[in-house]
Amino acid sequence: MGKVVLVIWAAWSTYVFVYHRPLLQKRTRQLEEARAQHAQHMSDLGAFYKGYADLHKEMNNIDDKIINGKNLKKDALEDLLKRRVNTWAQIEMLGTRIGNMMTDADYAPEITKVSEISVEYELTREENRQLREANKNLEKSMVTVGDASVQIYERVAKLTRENLDSVNKNVGKIRGTLASLGLNDKALAQQALSFSNNIVGGAITPFDLDKDIDQKYKELAEKIDMWHGLSRAISILPLGAPVKKPTITSKYGEREHPLDGKTVPHKGIDFAGVAGTPLFAVAPGRVVFVGEKVGYGKVVEVEHGLGFTTLYAHLSKFSVQRGDIVRAKDIIGLGGNSGRTTGPHLHYEIRYNDNPFNPYSFVKGE
């Protein structure tokens, strides 16, 4: 019996050693390979999922720039569209890789996570399809907006040219006088745009366009600013006569004084008139002086802005008080012969930064 048991034990040991042990080693190697493959799958999935998320963010960022970039240049828009096509191709490639992983039997343990990715992937594909459709509509809208922009630009440019030409004709009548005061059209327009009061209104902010915008829009903006500025200047400057029927009796410059015959500077011009002749403010402004001045008699001074003031002398009566706001054609007083004078008339001066100058072109517009 002992010999029989010994033989059976020896036979079993031989079987286990010769056959079963190599089989067990084979299974162990297979298990290690499966674990390594599974780990590789996990690594690939992590990399693919991160790449998928990053590409999805990039796609959304590109689409946001395309949809909201109203002022995109053609080159910038084309660059964004190229980036979008490239990003979409990468998403498609990742989708294929993920799809292959989903059908891999060795990847079954992670099927739940892959399914979640698949759902998100399909949702993204549908979202991108909708975005592509929106982009088509956006391209159509951009064409429509482009056509409208051209028409609007041409209409605005035509109106600006016409109005600027008209304003230039009016400014041209006093341009020589303005030049003698050190003022050119651009400087005058800029000052007028920044000026504000209760009558003229608030200041107007000039255009501030992007440096990369089309040059034609910059030039149009400059013309519009010039038009607005000069139009405002005309409404601010003391242009016109202070009496209803102006008759100049004494011009600006050197003259013999009618009382003593001495040659003295005449700082304004005199208008004929009888006592009680209504005297008008020639432009809107604020009354800054009402009272007596040596030689001038009763005087009213009005500040108009941009450095210009007007002075009305030899009045017989005041119709305003210091601090009053007057409009063009408001009566500021009545003509008379107060002060040093030979008879009733109006002495009228225009001053720029407190210095009198020849007001003839401002009065006559020629």
Protein backbone atom coordinates (compact mmCIF):
# COMPACT_ATOMS: atom_id res chain seq x y z
CA MET A 1 0.00 0.00 0.00
CA GLY A 2 2.82 2.31 0.88
CA LYS A 3 4.54 1.64 -2.40
CA VAL A 4 1.28 2.32 -4.29
CA VAL A 5 0.77 5.66 -2.48
CA LEU A 6 4.37 6.61 -3.17
CA VAL A 7 3.97 5.87 -6.85
CA ILE A 8 0.72 7.91 -7.07
CA TRP A 9 2.33 10.87 -5.24
CA ALA A 10 5.37 10.75 -7.53
CA ALA A 11 3.16 10.63 -10.61
CA TRP A 12 1.09 13.63 -9.42
CA SER A 13 4.16 15.66 -8.60
CA THR A 14 5.61 14.90 -11.98
CA TYR A 15 2.34 15.98 -13.66
CA VAL A 16 2.16 19.21 -11.70
CA PHE A 17 5.80 20.03 -12.37
CA VAL A 18 5.84 19.05 -16.02
CA TYR A 19 2.42 20.28 -17.19
CA HIS A 20 0.52 22.50 -14.74
CA ARG A 21 3.35 24.78 -13.64
CA PRO A 22 4.19 26.03 -17.20
CA LEU A 23 0.45 26.56 -17.78
CA LEU A 24 0.22 28.64 -14.61
CA GLN A 25 3.23 30.69 -15.68
CA LYS A 26 1.58 31.30 -19.06
CA ARG A 27 -1.63 32.49 -17.41
CA THR A 28 0.39 34.78 -15.15
CA ARG A 29 2.13 36.33 -18.13
CA GLN A 30 -1.23 36.78 -19.89
CA LEU A 31 -2.67 38.46 -16.80
CA GLU A 32 0.33 40.79 -16.55
CA GLU A 33 0.00 41.65 -20.22
CA ALA A 34 -3.73 42.29 -19.79
CA ARG A 35 -3.02 44.55 -16.82
CA ALA A 36 -0.37 46.41 -18.78
CA GLN A 37 -2.75 46.80 -21.73
CA HIS A 38 -5.48 47.98 -19.38
CA ALA A 39 -3.10 50.54 -17.83
CA GLN A 40 -2.16 51.73 -21.32
CA HIS A 41 -5.85 52.04 -22.16
CA MET A 42 -6.36 54.10 -19.02
CA SER A 43 -3.45 56.35 -19.95
CA ASP A 44 -4.71 56.72 -23.51
CA LEU A 45 -8.20 57.49 -22.28
CA GLY A 46 -6.89 60.20 -19.93
CA ALA A 47 -4.83 61.77 -22.69
CA PHE A 48 -7.65 61.57 -25.23
CA TYR A 49 -10.21 62.94 -22.78
CA LYS A 50 -7.95 65.88 -21.83
CA GLY A 51 -7.20 66.57 -25.49
CA TYR A 52 -10.91 66.35 -26.28
CA ALA A 53 -11.76 68.83 -23.49
CA ASP A 54 -9.00 71.25 -24.56
CA LEU A 55 -10.09 71.11 -28.20
CA HIS A 56 -13.69 71.65 -27.18
CA LYS A 57 -12.69 74.78 -25.24
CA GLU A 58 -10.62 75.98 -28.18
CA MET A 59 -13.58 75.45 -30.54
CA ASN A 60 -15.90 77.41 -28.25
CA ASN A 61 -13.31 80.20 -27.96
CA ILE A 62 -12.92 80.42 -31.76
CA ASP A 63 -16.69 80.41 -32.32
CA ASP A 64 -17.14 83.13 -29.70
CA LYS A 65 -14.56 85.33 -31.47
CA ILE A 66 -16.22 84.75 -34.87
CA ILE A 67 -19.76 85.44 -33.63
CA ASN A 68 -18.94 88.45 -31.45
CA GLY A 69 -16.08 89.93 -33.48
CA LYS A 70 -18.04 92.70 -35.21
CA ASN A 71 -14.91 94.60 -36.26
CA LEU A 72 -12.85 91.60 -37.41
CA LYS A 73 -10.75 92.23 -40.47
CA LYS A 74 -10.97 89.82 -43.38
CA ASP A 75 -7.51 88.35 -42.68
CA ALA A 76 -8.28 87.82 -38.99
CA LEU A 77 -11.63 86.17 -39.85
CA GLU A 78 -9.98 83.82 -42.36
CA ASP A 79 -7.35 82.88 -39.79
CA LEU A 80 -10.07 82.05 -37.23
CA LEU A 81 -11.96 79.94 -39.80
CA LYS A 82 -8.77 78.01 -40.65
CA ARG A 83 -8.12 77.39 -36.94
CA ARG A 84 -11.70 76.21 -36.56
CA VAL A 85 -11.39 73.69 -39.43
CA ASN A 86 -8.11 72.39 -37.99
CA THR A 87 -9.57 72.09 -34.48
CA TRP A 88 -12.64 70.30 -35.81
CA ALA A 89 -10.42 67.82 -37.69
CA GLN A 90 -8.57 67.05 -34.45
CA ILE A 91 -11.87 66.52 -32.61
CA GLU A 92 -13.00 64.14 -35.38
CA MET A 93 -9.72 62.21 -35.09
CA LEU A 94 -10.08 61.91 -31.32
CA GLY A 95 -13.68 60.79 -31.82
CA THR A 96 -12.51 57.97 -34.06
CA ARG A 97 -9.84 56.91 -31.56
CA ILE A 98 -12.35 56.92 -28.70
CA GLY A 99 -14.84 54.99 -30.84
CA ASN A 100 -12.22 52.31 -31.51
CA MET A 101 -11.48 52.05 -27.82
CA MET A 102 -15.17 51.58 -27.09
CA THR A 103 -15.36 48.55 -29.40
CA ASP A 104 -12.20 46.98 -27.95
CA ALA A 105 -13.23 43.92 -25.91
CA ASP A 106 -10.14 44.30 -23.68
CA TYR A 107 -11.50 47.68 -22.65
CA ALA A 108 -14.80 46.33 -21.29
CA PRO A 109 -14.02 47.17 -17.61
CA GLU A 110 -14.15 50.90 -18.48
CA ILE A 111 -17.21 50.75 -20.72
CA THR A 112 -19.28 52.93 -18.37
CA LYS A 113 -16.77 55.79 -18.44
CA VAL A 114 -16.39 55.44 -22.21
CA SER A 115 -20.16 55.57 -22.60
CA GLU A 116 -20.24 58.85 -20.70
CA ILE A 117 -17.57 60.19 -23.02
CA SER A 118 -19.56 58.97 -25.99
CA VAL A 119 -22.67 60.84 -24.85
CA GLU A 120 -20.70 64.06 -24.32
CA TYR A 121 -18.97 63.53 -27.66
CA GLU A 122 -22.29 63.18 -29.50
CA LEU A 123 -23.67 66.24 -27.74
CA THR A 124 -20.60 68.18 -28.82
CA ARG A 125 -20.97 66.99 -32.38
CA GLU A 126 -24.57 68.23 -32.41
CA GLU A 127 -23.49 71.55 -30.86
CA ASN A 128 -20.78 71.94 -33.50
CA ARG A 129 -23.30 71.13 -36.23
CA GLN A 130 -25.52 73.91 -34.91
CA LEU A 131 -22.52 76.26 -34.74
CA ARG A 132 -21.63 75.46 -38.35
CA GLU A 133 -25.19 76.32 -39.32
CA ALA A 134 -24.97 79.53 -37.28
CA ASN A 135 -21.69 80.35 -39.02
CA LYS A 136 -23.35 80.00 -42.40
CA ASN A 137 -26.06 82.41 -41.30
CA LEU A 138 -23.38 84.69 -39.84
CA GLU A 139 -21.53 84.74 -43.15
CA LYS A 140 -24.75 85.71 -44.93
CA SER A 141 -25.37 88.42 -42.33
CA MET A 142 -21.81 89.69 -42.73
CA VAL A 143 -22.35 90.04 -46.47
CA THR A 144 -25.61 91.92 -45.83
CA VAL A 145 -23.97 94.14 -43.22
CA GLY A 146 -21.05 94.75 -45.57
CA ASP A 147 -23.39 95.91 -48.34
CA ALA A 148 -25.28 98.14 -45.92
CA SER A 149 -22.00 99.54 -44.57
CA VAL A 150 -20.90 100.56 -48.07
CA GLN A 151 -24.22 102.30 -48.76
CA ILE A 152 -24.23 104.05 -45.37
CA TYR A 153 -20.61 105.13 -45.78
CA GLU A 154 -21.27 106.60 -49.23
CA ARG A 155 -24.39 108.44 -48.02
CA VAL A 156 -22.68 109.83 -44.91
CA ALA A 157 -19.58 110.80 -46.91
CA LYS A 158 -21.76 112.68 -49.44
CA LEU A 159 -23.67 114.54 -46.72
CA THR A 160 -20.45 115.37 -44.91
CA ARG A 161 -18.85 116.77 -48.07
CA GLU A 162 -21.90 118.90 -48.86
CA ASN A 163 -22.24 120.28 -45.33
CA LEU A 164 -18.51 120.83 -44.93
CA ASP A 165 -18.42 122.75 -48.22
CA SER A 166 -21.28 124.95 -47.01
CA VAL A 167 -19.59 125.59 -43.65
CA ASN A 168 -16.29 126.33 -45.36
CA LYS A 169 -17.97 129.02 -47.45
CA ASN A 170 -19.19 130.76 -44.31
CA VAL A 171 -15.86 130.39 -42.51
CA GLY A 172 -14.08 131.54 -45.64
CA LYS A 173 -15.56 135.02 -45.18
CA ILE A 174 -13.69 135.45 -41.89
CA ARG A 175 -10.74 133.11 -42.48
CA GLY A 176 -8.32 135.98 -43.08
CA THR A 177 -9.29 137.64 -39.81
CA LEU A 178 -9.04 134.32 -37.95
CA ALA A 179 -5.56 133.78 -39.41
CA SER A 180 -4.50 137.21 -38.13
CA LEU A 181 -5.56 136.03 -34.66
CA GLY A 182 -3.49 132.85 -34.99
CA LEU A 183 -6.48 130.58 -35.58
CA ASN A 184 -6.78 128.01 -38.38
CA ASP A 185 -9.78 125.83 -39.20
CA LYS A 186 -8.51 122.79 -37.30
CA ALA A 187 -7.69 124.71 -34.12
CA LEU A 188 -11.01 126.55 -34.22
CA ALA A 189 -12.96 123.31 -34.80
CA GLN A 190 -11.21 121.53 -31.91
CA GLN A 191 -11.90 124.42 -29.52
CA ALA A 192 -15.54 124.55 -30.59
CA LEU A 193 -16.04 120.80 -30.07
CA SER A 194 -14.74 121.03 -26.50
CA PHE A 195 -16.75 124.18 -25.68
CA SER A 196 -20.03 123.99 -23.76
CA ASN A 197 -22.59 126.32 -22.24
CA ASN A 198 -26.31 126.43 -21.52
CA ILE A 199 -27.20 127.66 -25.02
CA VAL A 200 -24.79 125.82 -27.31
CA GLY A 201 -24.97 122.60 -25.27
CA GLY A 202 -22.41 120.11 -24.04
CA ALA A 203 -19.03 119.37 -25.55
CA ILE A 204 -18.79 116.87 -28.41
CA THR A 205 -16.23 114.12 -28.11
CA PRO A 206 -14.21 113.69 -31.33
CA PHE A 207 -13.99 110.27 -32.95
CA ASP A 208 -11.46 107.88 -31.44
CA LEU A 209 -11.11 105.07 -33.97
CA ASP A 210 -8.94 101.97 -33.80
CA LYS A 211 -5.54 102.56 -35.38
CA ASP A 212 -5.99 99.52 -37.66
CA ILE A 213 -9.33 100.64 -39.12
CA ASP A 214 -9.59 101.36 -42.85
CA GLN A 215 -8.05 104.72 -43.73
CA LYS A 216 -11.21 105.88 -45.49
CA TYR A 217 -13.12 105.74 -42.19
CA LYS A 218 -10.41 107.76 -40.46
CA GLU A 219 -10.60 110.43 -43.17
CA LEU A 220 -14.41 110.49 -42.97
CA ALA A 221 -14.26 110.81 -39.17
CA GLU A 222 -11.87 113.76 -39.48
CA LYS A 223 -14.21 115.48 -41.93
CA ILE A 224 -17.23 114.91 -39.69
CA ASP A 225 -15.33 116.34 -36.70
CA MET A 226 -14.31 119.34 -38.83
CA TRP A 227 -17.90 119.86 -39.98
CA HIS A 228 -19.30 119.65 -36.44
CA GLY A 229 -16.51 121.84 -35.04
CA LEU A 230 -16.80 124.61 -37.62
CA SER A 231 -20.62 124.54 -37.48
CA ARG A 232 -20.42 124.99 -33.72
CA ALA A 233 -17.84 127.76 -34.11
CA ILE A 234 -20.18 129.68 -36.42
CA SER A 235 -22.94 129.44 -33.80
CA ILE A 236 -20.53 130.67 -31.07
CA LEU A 237 -18.60 133.45 -32.83
CA PRO A 238 -19.98 137.02 -32.79
CA LEU A 239 -20.96 137.22 -36.45
CA GLY A 240 -23.31 139.91 -37.73
CA ALA A 241 -24.26 143.48 -36.90
CA PRO A 242 -25.51 144.73 -33.52
CA VAL A 243 -28.10 147.05 -35.15
CA LYS A 244 -31.02 146.35 -37.44
CA LYS A 245 -29.89 148.56 -40.34
CA PRO A 246 -26.12 148.88 -39.99
CA THR A 247 -24.49 152.03 -41.33
CA ILE A 248 -20.80 152.30 -40.47
CA THR A 249 -19.72 155.86 -39.74
CA SER A 250 -16.19 155.20 -38.47
CA LYS A 251 -13.94 152.23 -39.19
CA TYR A 252 -11.37 150.38 -37.11
CA GLY A 253 -7.80 151.74 -37.01
CA GLU A 254 -5.96 155.06 -36.75
CA ARG A 255 -8.14 158.19 -37.10
CA GLU A 256 -8.45 161.81 -36.08
CA HIS A 257 -10.57 162.04 -32.98
CA PRO A 258 -13.66 164.18 -33.80
CA LEU A 259 -13.35 166.16 -30.56
CA ASP A 260 -9.68 167.16 -30.38
CA GLY A 261 -8.34 166.24 -33.86
CA LYS A 262 -5.55 164.04 -32.47
CA THR A 263 -4.62 160.85 -34.29
CA VAL A 264 -5.59 157.97 -32.03
CA PRO A 265 -6.37 154.27 -32.51
CA HIS A 266 -10.04 153.50 -32.96
CA LYS A 267 -10.50 150.05 -31.39
CA GLY A 268 -13.82 149.26 -33.00
CA ILE A 269 -16.34 150.52 -35.52
CA ASP A 270 -19.13 153.06 -35.08
CA PHE A 271 -22.70 152.59 -36.28
CA ALA A 272 -25.08 155.48 -36.94
CA GLY A 273 -28.15 155.61 -34.77
CA VAL A 274 -30.44 157.84 -32.78
CA ALA A 275 -30.93 157.72 -29.05
CA GLY A 276 -33.10 154.75 -28.19
CA THR A 277 -31.97 152.58 -31.12
CA PRO A 278 -32.22 148.90 -29.99
CA LEU A 279 -28.82 147.19 -29.78
CA PHE A 280 -28.64 143.44 -30.23
CA ALA A 281 -26.32 140.72 -28.97
CA VAL A 282 -24.70 139.33 -32.12
CA ALA A 283 -24.26 135.81 -30.68
CA PRO A 284 -25.21 133.81 -27.59
CA GLY A 285 -23.16 134.51 -24.50
CA ARG A 286 -22.99 135.70 -20.90
CA VAL A 287 -23.05 139.35 -19.85
CA VAL A 288 -19.78 140.00 -17.99
CA PHE A 289 -19.94 143.79 -17.54
CA VAL A 290 -22.69 146.41 -17.24
CA GLY A 291 -21.67 149.90 -16.19
CA GLU A 292 -19.64 153.04 -16.93
CA LYS A 293 -16.16 153.15 -18.50
CA VAL A 294 -14.03 156.24 -19.04
CA GLY A 295 -14.56 157.59 -22.55
CA TYR A 296 -17.00 154.78 -23.41
CA GLY A 297 -19.92 155.96 -21.26
CA LYS A 298 -22.48 153.29 -20.54
CA VAL A 299 -21.07 149.92 -21.61
CA VAL A 300 -22.24 146.30 -21.91
CA GLU A 301 -19.75 143.48 -22.49
CA VAL A 302 -20.75 139.96 -23.50
CA GLU A 303 -18.51 136.88 -23.37
CA HIS A 304 -19.29 134.42 -26.17
CA GLY A 305 -16.69 131.71 -25.69
CA LEU A 306 -13.56 130.54 -27.53
CA GLY A 307 -11.86 133.71 -26.23
CA PHE A 308 -14.25 136.17 -27.98
CA THR A 309 -16.09 139.05 -26.30
CA THR A 310 -18.10 141.98 -27.66
CA LEU A 311 -18.37 145.52 -26.27
CA TYR A 312 -21.24 147.96 -26.82
CA ALA A 313 -20.51 151.59 -25.80
CA HIS A 314 -22.20 155.00 -25.54
CA LEU A 315 -25.52 153.42 -24.52
CA SER A 316 -28.39 155.42 -23.10
CA LYS A 317 -30.00 152.50 -21.26
CA PHE A 318 -29.17 148.95 -20.15
CA SER A 319 -31.53 146.07 -20.88
CA VAL A 320 -29.45 143.36 -19.20
CA GLN A 321 -27.60 142.77 -15.95
CA ARG A 322 -24.22 141.24 -15.25
CA GLY A 323 -24.50 137.43 -15.30
CA ASP A 324 -27.44 137.31 -17.71
CA ILE A 325 -27.39 134.71 -20.47
CA VAL A 326 -28.34 136.22 -23.83
CA ARG A 327 -29.10 134.74 -27.22
CA ALA A 328 -28.39 136.19 -30.64
CA LYS A 329 -30.74 139.11 -31.39
CA ASP A 330 -31.61 139.67 -27.71
CA ILE A 331 -31.70 143.42 -26.91
CA ILE A 332 -28.87 144.31 -24.54
CA GLY A 333 -29.47 148.09 -24.41
CA LEU A 334 -30.42 151.24 -26.28
CA GLY A 335 -28.16 153.53 -28.30
CA GLY A 336 -27.22 156.97 -26.98
CA ASN A 337 -24.34 159.41 -26.60
CA SER A 338 -23.01 158.70 -23.11
CA GLY A 339 -19.27 159.08 -22.62
CA ARG A 340 -16.89 161.04 -24.90
CA THR A 341 -18.88 161.45 -28.09
CA THR A 342 -20.14 164.07 -30.55
CA GLY A 343 -23.63 162.60 -30.83
CA PRO A 344 -25.78 159.45 -30.57
CA HIS A 345 -24.18 156.35 -32.11
CA LEU A 346 -22.98 152.88 -31.15
CA HIS A 347 -19.30 152.11 -30.67
CA TYR A 348 -18.84 148.35 -31.17
CA GLU A 349 -15.76 146.21 -30.48
CA ILE A 350 -14.90 142.53 -30.77
CA ARG A 351 -12.02 141.26 -28.67
CA TYR A 352 -10.05 138.02 -28.78
CA ASN A 353 -8.33 137.15 -25.52
CA ASP A 354 -9.02 140.76 -24.38
CA ASN A 355 -7.32 142.27 -27.45
CA PRO A 356 -9.53 144.27 -29.89
CA PHE A 357 -9.23 143.52 -33.61
CA ASN A 358 -10.85 144.78 -36.80
CA PRO A 359 -14.41 143.39 -36.63
CA TYR A 360 -15.40 144.38 -40.18
CA SER A 361 -15.40 140.86 -41.70
CA PHE A 362 -17.34 139.51 -38.70
CA VAL A 363 -19.95 142.26 -39.10
CA LYS A 364 -20.32 142.28 -42.88
CA GLY A 365 -19.43 138.64 -43.58
CA GLU A 366 -17.11 139.54 -46.44
